Amino acid sequence: MASLISLAALIEPQDLKTTAHAPRNIKSTDLPNLAELYLHAYGDTTSPPDAEKAADRISAVFEGAHGPPIPHASLLTADAEGHLTAAILITDRAVGADGPRTAFIAELFTHPAHRGQGLAEELLSHTLQALQDTGHKTVAATVDSANAAALALYLSRDFRRLTQPAESD
């Protein structure tokens, strides 16, 4: 069974690159398409969400279930036809039970057909810059220890583990 790993990083200025499909802020009208993207992104897991669970998960983030949303740092990318390709959803929440409040990556996901193109890294860079521009000092995320791609991304961006995975018997 996989365990969750909490990670955190200090926010520093980012060297943003110009791309053909630059990230943009998420709008309320994007929520149905975000739920569809989420469904596709996690459709290859051992317990994929159904359409209703995907919509509930995305709505819950924007309704504050994981802390107040930070709209200026919640971004998405789309392809030339306007189909969503990746998204990052940011909230403001405490790290741990009594920890300080920090920006928190509630979700970062990419459509399977667009993985390996650097979209998650691009979104993360733009989000970190948006957070830095508004005075945030730290950002945190919780990752399934079995999600090697997510762990590699965060660790490559100087995120540090706050928790260690549970030892297996």
Protein backbone atom coordinates (compact mmCIF):
# COMPACT_ATOMS: atom_id res chain seq x y z
CA MET A 1 0.00 0.00 0.00
CA ALA A 2 1.33 3.44 -0.93
CA SER A 3 1.68 6.14 1.69
CA LEU A 4 1.53 9.90 1.44
CA ILE A 5 4.59 12.10 1.60
CA SER A 6 4.37 15.77 2.55
CA LEU A 7 6.79 18.12 0.82
CA ALA A 8 7.52 21.83 1.13
CA ALA A 9 9.71 24.42 -0.57
CA LEU A 10 10.72 28.03 -0.15
CA ILE A 11 9.31 30.16 -2.95
CA GLU A 12 11.90 31.93 -5.06
CA PRO A 13 11.64 34.05 -8.23
CA GLN A 14 11.20 31.92 -11.35
CA ASP A 15 12.84 32.14 -14.75
CA LEU A 16 9.67 31.88 -16.83
CA LYS A 17 9.96 30.81 -20.44
CA THR A 18 7.66 32.00 -23.20
CA THR A 19 5.61 29.14 -24.65
CA ALA A 20 3.01 28.79 -27.37
CA HIS A 21 0.25 27.96 -24.90
CA ALA A 22 1.06 29.92 -21.78
CA PRO A 23 -0.81 29.02 -18.60
CA ARG A 24 -3.82 31.09 -17.68
CA ASN A 25 -5.88 31.56 -14.53
CA ILE A 26 -8.74 29.16 -13.98
CA LYS A 27 -12.23 30.65 -14.36
CA SER A 28 -15.44 29.32 -12.83
CA THR A 29 -16.60 28.33 -16.32
CA ASP A 30 -13.61 25.94 -16.52
CA LEU A 31 -14.84 23.72 -13.67
CA PRO A 32 -16.72 21.13 -15.82
CA ASN A 33 -13.75 20.79 -18.17
CA LEU A 34 -11.37 20.58 -15.20
CA ALA A 35 -13.41 17.70 -13.80
CA GLU A 36 -13.18 15.94 -17.17
CA LEU A 37 -9.40 16.52 -17.29
CA TYR A 38 -9.07 15.20 -13.72
CA LEU A 39 -11.05 12.09 -14.70
CA HIS A 40 -8.71 11.41 -17.63
CA ALA A 41 -5.57 12.20 -15.62
CA TYR A 42 -6.41 9.68 -12.91
CA GLY A 43 -8.25 7.18 -15.11
CA ASP A 44 -5.23 4.87 -15.26
CA THR A 45 -4.89 4.37 -11.49
CA THR A 46 -5.95 1.30 -9.54
CA SER A 47 -9.10 3.07 -8.34
CA PRO A 48 -9.95 5.69 -10.98
CA PRO A 49 -12.60 8.28 -10.12
CA ASP A 50 -15.92 8.27 -11.88
CA ALA A 51 -17.30 11.45 -13.45
CA GLU A 52 -19.29 12.39 -10.35
CA LYS A 53 -16.32 11.89 -8.00
CA ALA A 54 -14.08 13.90 -10.32
CA ALA A 55 -16.57 16.79 -10.39
CA ASP A 56 -16.98 16.59 -6.60
CA ARG A 57 -13.20 16.66 -6.06
CA ILE A 58 -12.67 19.71 -8.26
CA SER A 59 -15.68 21.54 -6.77
CA ALA A 60 -14.50 20.75 -3.24
CA VAL A 61 -11.13 22.39 -3.89
CA PHE A 62 -12.78 25.56 -5.19
CA GLU A 63 -15.29 25.57 -2.32
CA GLY A 64 -12.46 25.60 0.23
CA ALA A 65 -12.43 21.99 1.45
CA HIS A 66 -8.62 22.13 1.53
CA GLY A 67 -8.32 25.74 2.62
CA PRO A 68 -9.29 28.94 0.85
CA PRO A 69 -8.45 28.80 -2.87
CA ILE A 70 -5.71 31.08 -4.21
CA PRO A 71 -7.22 31.98 -7.62
CA HIS A 72 -4.27 33.98 -9.01
CA ALA A 73 -2.00 30.94 -8.57
CA SER A 74 -4.44 28.26 -9.81
CA LEU A 75 -3.64 27.81 -13.48
CA LEU A 76 -4.30 25.62 -16.49
CA THR A 77 -2.94 25.00 -19.95
CA ALA A 78 -4.86 24.18 -23.11
CA ASP A 79 -3.94 22.91 -26.55
CA ALA A 80 -4.46 24.83 -29.81
CA GLU A 81 -8.09 23.64 -29.98
CA GLY A 82 -8.79 24.85 -26.43
CA HIS A 83 -8.89 21.41 -24.79
CA LEU A 84 -7.45 21.48 -21.26
CA THR A 85 -4.12 19.68 -21.00
CA ALA A 86 -2.95 20.29 -17.41
CA ALA A 87 -3.97 22.16 -14.28
CA ILE A 88 -2.68 23.19 -10.87
CA LEU A 89 -5.05 24.10 -8.03
CA ILE A 90 -3.65 26.08 -5.11
CA THR A 91 -5.14 26.69 -1.66
CA ASP A 92 -4.04 28.33 1.57
CA ARG A 93 -3.83 25.86 4.44
CA ALA A 94 -1.90 24.83 7.51
CA VAL A 95 1.00 22.42 7.20
CA GLY A 96 0.25 19.73 9.78
CA ALA A 97 -2.28 20.01 12.57
CA ASP A 98 -0.83 23.15 14.17
CA GLY A 99 1.59 24.35 11.52
CA PRO A 100 1.78 27.76 9.88
CA ARG A 101 -0.46 28.59 6.93
CA THR A 102 1.15 28.19 3.55
CA ALA A 103 0.26 27.88 -0.10
CA PHE A 104 -0.70 24.28 -0.80
CA ILE A 105 -0.81 22.40 -4.09
CA ALA A 106 -4.20 20.72 -3.78
CA GLU A 107 -3.94 19.20 -7.27
CA LEU A 108 -1.49 19.12 -10.16
CA PHE A 109 -2.53 16.87 -13.03
CA THR A 110 -1.90 16.38 -16.75
CA HIS A 111 -3.95 14.63 -19.41
CA PRO A 112 -2.21 11.32 -20.28
CA ALA A 113 -1.87 12.32 -23.95
CA HIS A 114 0.14 15.39 -22.92
CA ARG A 115 2.47 13.90 -20.30
CA GLY A 116 6.20 14.22 -20.80
CA GLN A 117 5.91 17.67 -22.40
CA GLY A 118 6.90 19.66 -19.32
CA LEU A 119 3.39 21.04 -18.69
CA ALA A 120 3.39 20.25 -14.97
CA GLU A 121 6.78 21.88 -14.53
CA GLU A 122 5.63 24.93 -16.51
CA LEU A 123 2.48 25.25 -14.39
CA LEU A 124 4.50 24.86 -11.22
CA SER A 125 6.94 27.60 -12.30
CA HIS A 126 4.15 30.05 -13.13
CA THR A 127 2.35 29.24 -9.89
CA LEU A 128 5.48 29.76 -7.82
CA GLN A 129 6.03 33.13 -9.50
CA ALA A 130 2.42 34.17 -8.87
CA LEU A 131 2.77 33.19 -5.21
CA GLN A 132 6.10 34.97 -4.89
CA ASP A 133 4.62 38.12 -6.47
CA THR A 134 2.01 38.24 -3.70
CA GLY A 135 4.42 37.64 -0.82
CA HIS A 136 4.01 33.93 -0.17
CA LYS A 137 7.17 32.43 1.30
CA THR A 138 6.50 28.68 1.19
CA VAL A 139 4.48 26.10 -0.73
CA ALA A 140 3.62 22.53 0.24
CA ALA A 141 2.22 19.43 -1.43
CA THR A 142 1.20 15.92 -0.45
CA VAL A 143 2.12 13.16 -2.88
CA ASP A 144 1.37 9.46 -3.04
CA SER A 145 4.73 7.72 -2.56
CA ALA A 146 3.93 5.53 -5.60
CA ASN A 147 3.69 8.61 -7.86
CA ALA A 148 7.32 8.64 -9.02
CA ALA A 149 6.75 11.36 -11.63
CA ALA A 150 5.27 13.79 -9.10
CA LEU A 151 7.99 13.08 -6.55
CA ALA A 152 10.69 13.59 -9.17
CA LEU A 153 9.16 16.91 -10.24
CA TYR A 154 8.89 18.29 -6.72
CA LEU A 155 12.30 17.04 -5.58
CA SER A 156 13.89 18.52 -8.72
CA ARG A 157 12.38 21.88 -7.72
CA ASP A 158 13.98 21.82 -4.24
CA PHE A 159 10.94 20.59 -2.35
CA ARG A 160 12.00 18.80 0.83
CA ARG A 161 10.23 15.96 2.59
CA LEU A 162 8.36 16.90 5.72
CA THR A 163 7.39 13.28 6.35
CA GLN A 164 8.99 9.98 5.50
CA PRO A 165 7.04 7.10 3.98
CA ALA A 166 5.95 4.48 6.49
CA GLU A 167 8.26 1.47 6.62
CA SER A 168 6.71 -1.72 5.32
CA ASP A 169 6.77 -4.85 7.42
